[in-house]
Amino acid sequence: MTLGSFFLGLALMIIGFLCVRKTDALLRYFGDISEVFGLINAQWISWKVFGVALMIVGFMVAFGLLQAFLILTIGRLFNFSV
């Protein structure tokens, strides 16, 4: 874990929190993010799910857990090991 990865993870967590907290403003400025995923009428929930996912990824980046998580989940699919 480096100091740069910690601050990157912290920034991702803050952006994710703002996506959850300021959903109304994001809908006004950027529109419906669920159109990208092909969902219909999932405006609020799509921004909130995106924000929570961003916070989880930011936490894993900040504390150096992202690589271990990816090896344990996707790595087994492609037969990678530590």
PDB file of N, CA and C in Angstrom:
ATOM      1  N   MET A   1       0.849  -1.180   0.000  1.00  0.00           N
ATOM      2  CA  MET A   1       0.000   0.000   0.000  1.00  0.00           C
ATOM      3  C   MET A   1       0.893   1.240   0.000  1.00  0.00           C
ATOM      4  N   THR A   2       0.618   2.128  -0.904  1.00  0.00           N
ATOM      5  CA  THR A   2       1.367   3.371  -0.966  1.00  0.00           C
ATOM      6  C   THR A   2       0.460   4.526  -0.582  1.00  0.00           C
ATOM      7  N   LEU A   3       1.070   5.644  -0.357  1.00  0.00           N
ATOM      8  CA  LEU A   3       0.311   6.837   0.014  1.00  0.00           C
ATOM      9  C   LEU A   3      -0.574   7.301  -1.144  1.00  0.00           C
ATOM     10  N   GLY A   4      -0.072   7.152  -2.377  1.00  0.00           N
ATOM     11  CA  GLY A   4      -0.848   7.538  -3.551  1.00  0.00           C
ATOM     12  C   GLY A   4      -2.094   6.687  -3.721  1.00  0.00           C
ATOM     13  N   SER A   5      -1.967   5.383  -3.493  1.00  0.00           N
ATOM     14  CA  SER A   5      -3.138   4.508  -3.618  1.00  0.00           C
ATOM     15  C   SER A   5      -4.143   4.787  -2.504  1.00  0.00           C
ATOM     16  N   PHE A   6      -3.635   5.176  -1.334  1.00  0.00           N
ATOM     17  CA  PHE A   6      -4.551   5.531  -0.252  1.00  0.00           C
ATOM     18  C   PHE A   6      -5.386   6.756  -0.619  1.00  0.00           C
ATOM     19  N   PHE A   7      -4.739   7.781  -1.155  1.00  0.00           N
ATOM     20  CA  PHE A   7      -5.470   8.992  -1.524  1.00  0.00           C
ATOM     21  C   PHE A   7      -6.379   8.760  -2.730  1.00  0.00           C
ATOM     22  N   LEU A   8      -5.979   7.892  -3.654  1.00  0.00           N
ATOM     23  CA  LEU A   8      -6.855   7.538  -4.764  1.00  0.00           C
ATOM     24  C   LEU A   8      -8.104   6.825  -4.251  1.00  0.00           C
ATOM     25  N   GLY A   9      -7.922   5.892  -3.344  1.00  0.00           N
ATOM     26  CA  GLY A   9      -9.062   5.204  -2.749  1.00  0.00           C
ATOM     27  C   GLY A   9      -9.945   6.139  -1.955  1.00  0.00           C
ATOM     28  N   LEU A  10      -9.343   7.067  -1.245  1.00  0.00           N
ATOM     29  CA  LEU A  10     -10.109   8.057  -0.492  1.00  0.00           C
ATOM     30  C   LEU A  10     -10.927   8.941  -1.427  1.00  0.00           C
ATOM     31  N   ALA A  11     -10.337   9.332  -2.550  1.00  0.00           N
ATOM     32  CA  ALA A  11     -11.067  10.144  -3.536  1.00  0.00           C
ATOM     33  C   ALA A  11     -12.235   9.355  -4.128  1.00  0.00           C
ATOM     34  N   LEU A  12     -12.020   8.072  -4.413  1.00  0.00           N
ATOM     35  CA  LEU A  12     -13.110   7.244  -4.941  1.00  0.00           C
ATOM     36  C   LEU A  12     -14.234   7.096  -3.916  1.00  0.00           C
ATOM     37  N   MET A  13     -13.870   6.960  -2.643  1.00  0.00           N
ATOM     38  CA  MET A  13     -14.896   6.859  -1.604  1.00  0.00           C
ATOM     39  C   MET A  13     -15.693   8.154  -1.480  1.00  0.00           C
ATOM     40  N   ILE A  14     -15.028   9.283  -1.592  1.00  0.00           N
ATOM     41  CA  ILE A  14     -15.713  10.572  -1.500  1.00  0.00           C
ATOM     42  C   ILE A  14     -16.645  10.770  -2.700  1.00  0.00           C
ATOM     43  N   ILE A  15     -16.170  10.427  -3.892  1.00  0.00           N
ATOM     44  CA  ILE A  15     -17.017  10.550  -5.082  1.00  0.00           C
ATOM     45  C   ILE A  15     -18.216   9.622  -4.977  1.00  0.00           C
ATOM     46  N   GLY A  16     -17.999   8.410  -4.490  1.00  0.00           N
ATOM     47  CA  GLY A  16     -19.099   7.478  -4.305  1.00  0.00           C
ATOM     48  C   GLY A  16     -20.106   7.975  -3.289  1.00  0.00           C
ATOM     49  N   PHE A  17     -19.613   8.570  -2.201  1.00  0.00           N
ATOM     50  CA  PHE A  17     -20.514   9.132  -1.195  1.00  0.00           C
ATOM     51  C   PHE A  17     -21.343  10.266  -1.783  1.00  0.00           C
ATOM     52  N   LEU A  18     -20.703  11.100  -2.590  1.00  0.00           N
ATOM     53  CA  LEU A  18     -21.434  12.201  -3.212  1.00  0.00           C
ATOM     54  C   LEU A  18     -22.470  11.693  -4.213  1.00  0.00           C
ATOM     55  N   CYS A  19     -22.190  10.576  -4.875  1.00  0.00           N
ATOM     56  CA  CYS A  19     -23.184   9.987  -5.786  1.00  0.00           C
ATOM     57  C   CYS A  19     -24.407   9.525  -5.013  1.00  0.00           C
ATOM     58  N   VAL A  20     -24.201   9.002  -3.819  1.00  0.00           N
ATOM     59  CA  VAL A  20     -25.331   8.548  -3.008  1.00  0.00           C
ATOM     60  C   VAL A  20     -26.053   9.731  -2.394  1.00  0.00           C
ATOM     61  N   ARG A  21     -25.311  10.703  -1.917  1.00  0.00           N
ATOM     62  CA  ARG A  21     -25.889  11.833  -1.187  1.00  0.00           C
ATOM     63  C   ARG A  21     -26.594  12.827  -2.116  1.00  0.00           C
ATOM     64  N   LYS A  22     -26.007  13.121  -3.259  1.00  0.00           N
ATOM     65  CA  LYS A  22     -26.508  14.158  -4.165  1.00  0.00           C
ATOM     66  C   LYS A  22     -27.101  13.553  -5.433  1.00  0.00           C
ATOM     67  N   THR A  23     -27.941  12.546  -5.274  1.00  0.00           N
ATOM     68  CA  THR A  23     -28.542  11.858  -6.412  1.00  0.00           C
ATOM     69  C   THR A  23     -29.399  12.801  -7.243  1.00  0.00           C
ATOM     70  N   ASP A  24     -30.121  13.666  -6.595  1.00  0.00           N
ATOM     71  CA  ASP A  24     -31.012  14.587  -7.309  1.00  0.00           C
ATOM     72  C   ASP A  24     -30.222  15.518  -8.238  1.00  0.00           C
ATOM     73  N   ALA A  25     -29.126  16.064  -7.729  1.00  0.00           N
ATOM     74  CA  ALA A  25     -28.310  16.964  -8.545  1.00  0.00           C
ATOM     75  C   ALA A  25     -27.664  16.214  -9.709  1.00  0.00           C
ATOM     76  N   LEU A  26     -27.215  14.986  -9.472  1.00  0.00           N
ATOM     77  CA  LEU A  26     -26.610  14.206 -10.545  1.00  0.00           C
ATOM     78  C   LEU A  26     -27.630  13.866 -11.629  1.00  0.00           C
ATOM     79  N   LEU A  27     -28.867  13.609 -11.220  1.00  0.00           N
ATOM     80  CA  LEU A  27     -29.910  13.350 -12.213  1.00  0.00           C
ATOM     81  C   LEU A  27     -30.175  14.579 -13.072  1.00  0.00           C
ATOM     82  N   ARG A  28     -30.133  15.762 -12.456  1.00  0.00           N
ATOM     83  CA  ARG A  28     -30.365  16.989 -13.226  1.00  0.00           C
ATOM     84  C   ARG A  28     -29.226  17.278 -14.186  1.00  0.00           C
ATOM     85  N   TYR A  29     -27.972  17.094 -13.725  1.00  0.00           N
ATOM     86  CA  TYR A  29     -26.823  17.480 -14.535  1.00  0.00           C
ATOM     87  C   TYR A  29     -26.429  16.425 -15.564  1.00  0.00           C
ATOM     88  N   PHE A  30     -26.445  15.155 -15.177  1.00  0.00           N
ATOM     89  CA  PHE A  30     -25.939  14.098 -16.055  1.00  0.00           C
ATOM     90  C   PHE A  30     -27.024  13.187 -16.605  1.00  0.00           C
ATOM     91  N   GLY A  31     -28.204  13.237 -16.051  1.00  0.00           N
ATOM     92  CA  GLY A  31     -29.288  12.405 -16.548  1.00  0.00           C
ATOM     93  C   GLY A  31     -29.281  11.020 -15.928  1.00  0.00           C
ATOM     94  N   ASP A  32     -29.943  10.135 -16.607  1.00  0.00           N
ATOM     95  CA  ASP A  32     -30.160   8.785 -16.104  1.00  0.00           C
ATOM     96  C   ASP A  32     -28.999   7.884 -16.493  1.00  0.00           C
ATOM     97  N   ILE A  33     -28.280   7.372 -15.506  1.00  0.00           N
ATOM     98  CA  ILE A  33     -27.149   6.486 -15.778  1.00  0.00           C
ATOM     99  C   ILE A  33     -27.621   5.082 -16.140  1.00  0.00           C
ATOM    100  N   SER A  34     -28.863   4.746 -15.804  1.00  0.00           N
ATOM    101  CA  SER A  34     -29.360   3.392 -16.081  1.00  0.00           C
ATOM    102  C   SER A  34     -29.559   3.146 -17.570  1.00  0.00           C
ATOM    103  N   GLU A  35     -29.613   4.192 -18.383  1.00  0.00           N
ATOM    104  CA  GLU A  35     -29.721   4.016 -19.830  1.00  0.00           C
ATOM    105  C   GLU A  35     -28.474   3.356 -20.397  1.00  0.00           C
ATOM    106  N   VAL A  36     -27.336   3.580 -19.747  1.00  0.00           N
ATOM    107  CA  VAL A  36     -26.098   2.953 -20.196  1.00  0.00           C
ATOM    108  C   VAL A  36     -26.187   1.438 -20.047  1.00  0.00           C
ATOM    109  N   PHE A  37     -26.852   0.981 -18.980  1.00  0.00           N
ATOM    110  CA  PHE A  37     -26.956  -0.443 -18.705  1.00  0.00           C
ATOM    111  C   PHE A  37     -28.216  -1.063 -19.286  1.00  0.00           C
ATOM    112  N   GLY A  38     -29.044  -0.284 -19.951  1.00  0.00           N
ATOM    113  CA  GLY A  38     -30.241  -0.793 -20.585  1.00  0.00           C
ATOM    114  C   GLY A  38     -31.414  -1.000 -19.648  1.00  0.00           C
ATOM    115  N   LEU A  39     -31.389  -0.376 -18.485  1.00  0.00           N
ATOM    116  CA  LEU A  39     -32.491  -0.498 -17.536  1.00  0.00           C
ATOM    117  C   LEU A  39     -33.530   0.583 -17.811  1.00  0.00           C
ATOM    118  N   ILE A  40     -34.748   0.317 -17.432  1.00  0.00           N
ATOM    119  CA  ILE A  40     -35.835   1.265 -17.659  1.00  0.00           C
ATOM    120  C   ILE A  40     -36.342   1.767 -16.314  1.00  0.00           C
ATOM    121  N   ASN A  41     -36.439   3.089 -16.159  1.00  0.00           N
ATOM    122  CA  ASN A  41     -36.977   3.748 -14.969  1.00  0.00           C
ATOM    123  C   ASN A  41     -36.281   3.337 -13.684  1.00  0.00           C
ATOM    124  N   ALA A  42     -34.974   3.293 -13.697  1.00  0.00           N
ATOM    125  CA  ALA A  42     -34.204   2.988 -12.500  1.00  0.00           C
ATOM    126  C   ALA A  42     -33.273   4.157 -12.188  1.00  0.00           C
ATOM    127  N   GLN A  43     -33.796   5.372 -12.292  1.00  0.00           N
ATOM    128  CA  GLN A  43     -32.956   6.555 -12.217  1.00  0.00           C
ATOM    129  C   GLN A  43     -32.267   6.711 -10.866  1.00  0.00           C
ATOM    130  N   TRP A  44     -33.024   6.764  -9.796  1.00  0.00           N
ATOM    131  CA  TRP A  44     -32.442   7.003  -8.482  1.00  0.00           C
ATOM    132  C   TRP A  44     -31.587   5.839  -8.029  1.00  0.00           C
ATOM    133  N   ILE A  45     -32.120   4.645  -8.177  1.00  0.00           N
ATOM    134  CA  ILE A  45     -31.420   3.471  -7.665  1.00  0.00           C
ATOM    135  C   ILE A  45     -30.119   3.228  -8.415  1.00  0.00           C
ATOM    136  N   SER A  46     -30.063   3.560  -9.696  1.00  0.00           N
ATOM    137  CA  SER A  46     -28.841   3.332 -10.455  1.00  0.00           C
ATOM    138  C   SER A  46     -27.709   4.227  -9.964  1.00  0.00           C
ATOM    139  N   TRP A  47     -28.008   5.495  -9.658  1.00  0.00           N
ATOM    140  CA  TRP A  47     -26.971   6.380  -9.119  1.00  0.00           C
ATOM    141  C   TRP A  47     -26.520   5.920  -7.743  1.00  0.00           C
ATOM    142  N   LYS A  48     -27.444   5.436  -6.931  1.00  0.00           N
ATOM    143  CA  LYS A  48     -27.089   4.996  -5.586  1.00  0.00           C
ATOM    144  C   LYS A  48     -26.266   3.712  -5.615  1.00  0.00           C
ATOM    145  N   VAL A  49     -26.625   2.771  -6.477  1.00  0.00           N
ATOM    146  CA  VAL A  49     -25.851   1.534  -6.602  1.00  0.00           C
ATOM    147  C   VAL A  49     -24.468   1.842  -7.144  1.00  0.00           C
ATOM    148  N   PHE A  50     -24.366   2.735  -8.113  1.00  0.00           N
ATOM    149  CA  PHE A  50     -23.068   3.152  -8.643  1.00  0.00           C
ATOM    150  C   PHE A  50     -22.207   3.776  -7.544  1.00  0.00           C
ATOM    151  N   GLY A  51     -22.810   4.627  -6.708  1.00  0.00           N
ATOM    152  CA  GLY A  51     -22.076   5.261  -5.620  1.00  0.00           C
ATOM    153  C   GLY A  51     -21.593   4.279  -4.582  1.00  0.00           C
ATOM    154  N   VAL A  52     -22.429   3.325  -4.204  1.00  0.00           N
ATOM    155  CA  VAL A  52     -22.027   2.317  -3.215  1.00  0.00           C
ATOM    156  C   VAL A  52     -20.916   1.433  -3.778  1.00  0.00           C
ATOM    157  N   ALA A  53     -21.035   1.042  -5.044  1.00  0.00           N
ATOM    158  CA  ALA A  53     -19.987   0.238  -5.671  1.00  0.00           C
ATOM    159  C   ALA A  53     -18.672   1.010  -5.731  1.00  0.00           C
ATOM    160  N   LEU A  54     -18.740   2.293  -6.018  1.00  0.00           N
ATOM    161  CA  LEU A  54     -17.539   3.132  -6.060  1.00  0.00           C
ATOM    162  C   LEU A  54     -16.911   3.260  -4.673  1.00  0.00           C
ATOM    163  N   MET A  55     -17.731   3.357  -3.645  1.00  0.00           N
ATOM    164  CA  MET A  55     -17.191   3.415  -2.284  1.00  0.00           C
ATOM    165  C   MET A  55     -16.508   2.111  -1.898  1.00  0.00           C
ATOM    166  N   ILE A  56     -17.075   0.976  -2.286  1.00  0.00           N
ATOM    167  CA  ILE A  56     -16.462  -0.315  -1.960  1.00  0.00           C
ATOM    168  C   ILE A  56     -15.136  -0.484  -2.684  1.00  0.00           C
ATOM    169  N   VAL A  57     -15.105  -0.131  -3.958  1.00  0.00           N
ATOM    170  CA  VAL A  57     -13.852  -0.216  -4.716  1.00  0.00           C
ATOM    171  C   VAL A  57     -12.822   0.760  -4.149  1.00  0.00           C
ATOM    172  N   GLY A  58     -13.254   1.951  -3.773  1.00  0.00           N
ATOM    173  CA  GLY A  58     -12.345   2.921  -3.167  1.00  0.00           C
ATOM    174  C   GLY A  58     -11.759   2.427  -1.858  1.00  0.00           C
ATOM    175  N   PHE A  59     -12.561   1.759  -1.050  1.00  0.00           N
ATOM    176  CA  PHE A  59     -12.066   1.195   0.207  1.00  0.00           C
ATOM    177  C   PHE A  59     -11.019   0.123  -0.071  1.00  0.00           C
ATOM    178  N   MET A  60     -11.285  -0.715  -1.066  1.00  0.00           N
ATOM    179  CA  MET A  60     -10.329  -1.774  -1.391  1.00  0.00           C
ATOM    180  C   MET A  60      -9.030  -1.204  -1.963  1.00  0.00           C
ATOM    181  N   VAL A  61      -9.124  -0.152  -2.750  1.00  0.00           N
ATOM    182  CA  VAL A  61      -7.917   0.477  -3.288  1.00  0.00           C
ATOM    183  C   VAL A  61      -7.127   1.155  -2.168  1.00  0.00           C
ATOM    184  N   ALA A  62      -7.820   1.839  -1.271  1.00  0.00           N
ATOM    185  CA  ALA A  62      -7.150   2.591  -0.206  1.00  0.00           C
ATOM    186  C   ALA A  62      -6.373   1.680   0.738  1.00  0.00           C
ATOM    187  N   PHE A  63      -6.877   0.493   0.989  1.00  0.00           N
ATOM    188  CA  PHE A  63      -6.232  -0.388   1.955  1.00  0.00           C
ATOM    189  C   PHE A  63      -5.546  -1.587   1.312  1.00  0.00           C
ATOM    190  N   GLY A  64      -5.374  -1.549   0.004  1.00  0.00           N
ATOM    191  CA  GLY A  64      -4.607  -2.570  -0.691  1.00  0.00           C
ATOM    192  C   GLY A  64      -5.297  -3.915  -0.784  1.00  0.00           C
ATOM    193  N   LEU A  65      -6.606  -3.942  -0.819  1.00  0.00           N
ATOM    194  CA  LEU A  65      -7.351  -5.192  -0.857  1.00  0.00           C
ATOM    195  C   LEU A  65      -7.879  -5.544  -2.245  1.00  0.00           C
ATOM    196  N   LEU A  66      -7.740  -4.661  -3.200  1.00  0.00           N
ATOM    197  CA  LEU A  66      -8.332  -4.873  -4.518  1.00  0.00           C
ATOM    198  C   LEU A  66      -7.679  -6.040  -5.247  1.00  0.00           C
ATOM    199  N   GLN A  67      -6.367  -6.131  -5.221  1.00  0.00           N
ATOM    200  CA  GLN A  67      -5.688  -7.208  -5.924  1.00  0.00           C
ATOM    201  C   GLN A  67      -6.044  -8.565  -5.320  1.00  0.00           C
ATOM    202  N   ALA A  68      -6.079  -8.662  -4.008  1.00  0.00           N
ATOM    203  CA  ALA A  68      -6.444  -9.925  -3.370  1.00  0.00           C
ATOM    204  C   ALA A  68      -7.887 -10.305  -3.687  1.00  0.00           C
ATOM    205  N   PHE A  69      -8.778  -9.326  -3.703  1.00  0.00           N
ATOM    206  CA  PHE A  69     -10.172  -9.588  -4.032  1.00  0.00           C
ATOM    207  C   PHE A  69     -10.319 -10.102  -5.458  1.00  0.00           C
ATOM    208  N   LEU A  70      -9.618  -9.466  -6.386  1.00  0.00           N
ATOM    209  CA  LEU A  70      -9.712  -9.888  -7.781  1.00  0.00           C
ATOM    210  C   LEU A  70      -9.115 -11.278  -7.995  1.00  0.00           C
ATOM    211  N   ILE A  71      -8.040 -11.597  -7.301  1.00  0.00           N
ATOM    212  CA  ILE A  71      -7.452 -12.932  -7.431  1.00  0.00           C
ATOM    213  C   ILE A  71      -8.380 -13.985  -6.849  1.00  0.00           C
ATOM    214  N   LEU A  72      -9.030 -13.681  -5.727  1.00  0.00           N
ATOM    215  CA  LEU A  72      -9.924 -14.656  -5.115  1.00  0.00           C
ATOM    216  C   LEU A  72     -11.219 -14.851  -5.889  1.00  0.00           C
ATOM    217  N   THR A  73     -11.660 -13.841  -6.619  1.00  0.00           N
ATOM    218  CA  THR A  73     -12.924 -13.970  -7.340  1.00  0.00           C
ATOM    219  C   THR A  73     -12.697 -14.305  -8.811  1.00  0.00           C
ATOM    220  N   ILE A  74     -12.096 -13.411  -9.546  1.00  0.00           N
ATOM    221  CA  ILE A  74     -11.903 -13.611 -10.980  1.00  0.00           C
ATOM    222  C   ILE A  74     -10.706 -14.513 -11.247  1.00  0.00           C
ATOM    223  N   GLY A  75      -9.728 -14.516 -10.357  1.00  0.00           N
ATOM    224  CA  GLY A  75      -8.542 -15.339 -10.536  1.00  0.00           C
ATOM    225  C   GLY A  75      -8.845 -16.810 -10.591  1.00  0.00           C
ATOM    226  N   ARG A  76      -9.816 -17.258  -9.848  1.00  0.00           N
ATOM    227  CA  ARG A  76     -10.206 -18.662  -9.898  1.00  0.00           C
ATOM    228  C   ARG A  76     -10.833 -19.028 -11.234  1.00  0.00           C
ATOM    229  N   LEU A  77     -11.464 -18.081 -11.861  1.00  0.00           N
ATOM    230  CA  LEU A  77     -12.066 -18.330 -13.165  1.00  0.00           C
ATOM    231  C   LEU A  77     -10.991 -18.597 -14.212  1.00  0.00           C
ATOM    232  N   PHE A  78      -9.880 -17.866 -14.138  1.00  0.00           N
ATOM    233  CA  PHE A  78      -8.792 -18.009 -15.097  1.00  0.00           C
ATOM    234  C   PHE A  78      -7.632 -18.821 -14.553  1.00  0.00           C
ATOM    235  N   ASN A  79      -7.813 -19.441 -13.392  1.00  0.00           N
ATOM    236  CA  ASN A  79      -6.834 -20.335 -12.781  1.00  0.00           C
ATOM    237  C   ASN A  79      -5.545 -19.616 -12.379  1.00  0.00           C
ATOM    238  N   PHE A  80      -5.654 -18.370 -11.872  1.00  0.00           N
ATOM    239  CA  PHE A  80      -4.506 -17.672 -11.318  1.00  0.00           C
ATOM    240  C   PHE A  80      -4.370 -18.046  -9.867  1.00  0.00           C
ATOM    241  N   SER A  81      -3.152 -17.989  -9.348  1.00  0.00           N
ATOM    242  CA  SER A  81      -2.945 -18.257  -7.928  1.00  0.00           C
ATOM    243  C   SER A  81      -1.911 -17.280  -7.387  1.00  0.00           C
ATOM    244  N   VAL A  82      -1.897 -17.141  -6.092  1.00  0.00           N
ATOM    245  CA  VAL A  82      -0.965 -16.201  -5.445  1.00  0.00           C
ATOM    246  C   VAL A  82       0.323 -16.899  -5.128  1.00  0.00           C
TER     247      VAL A  82
END
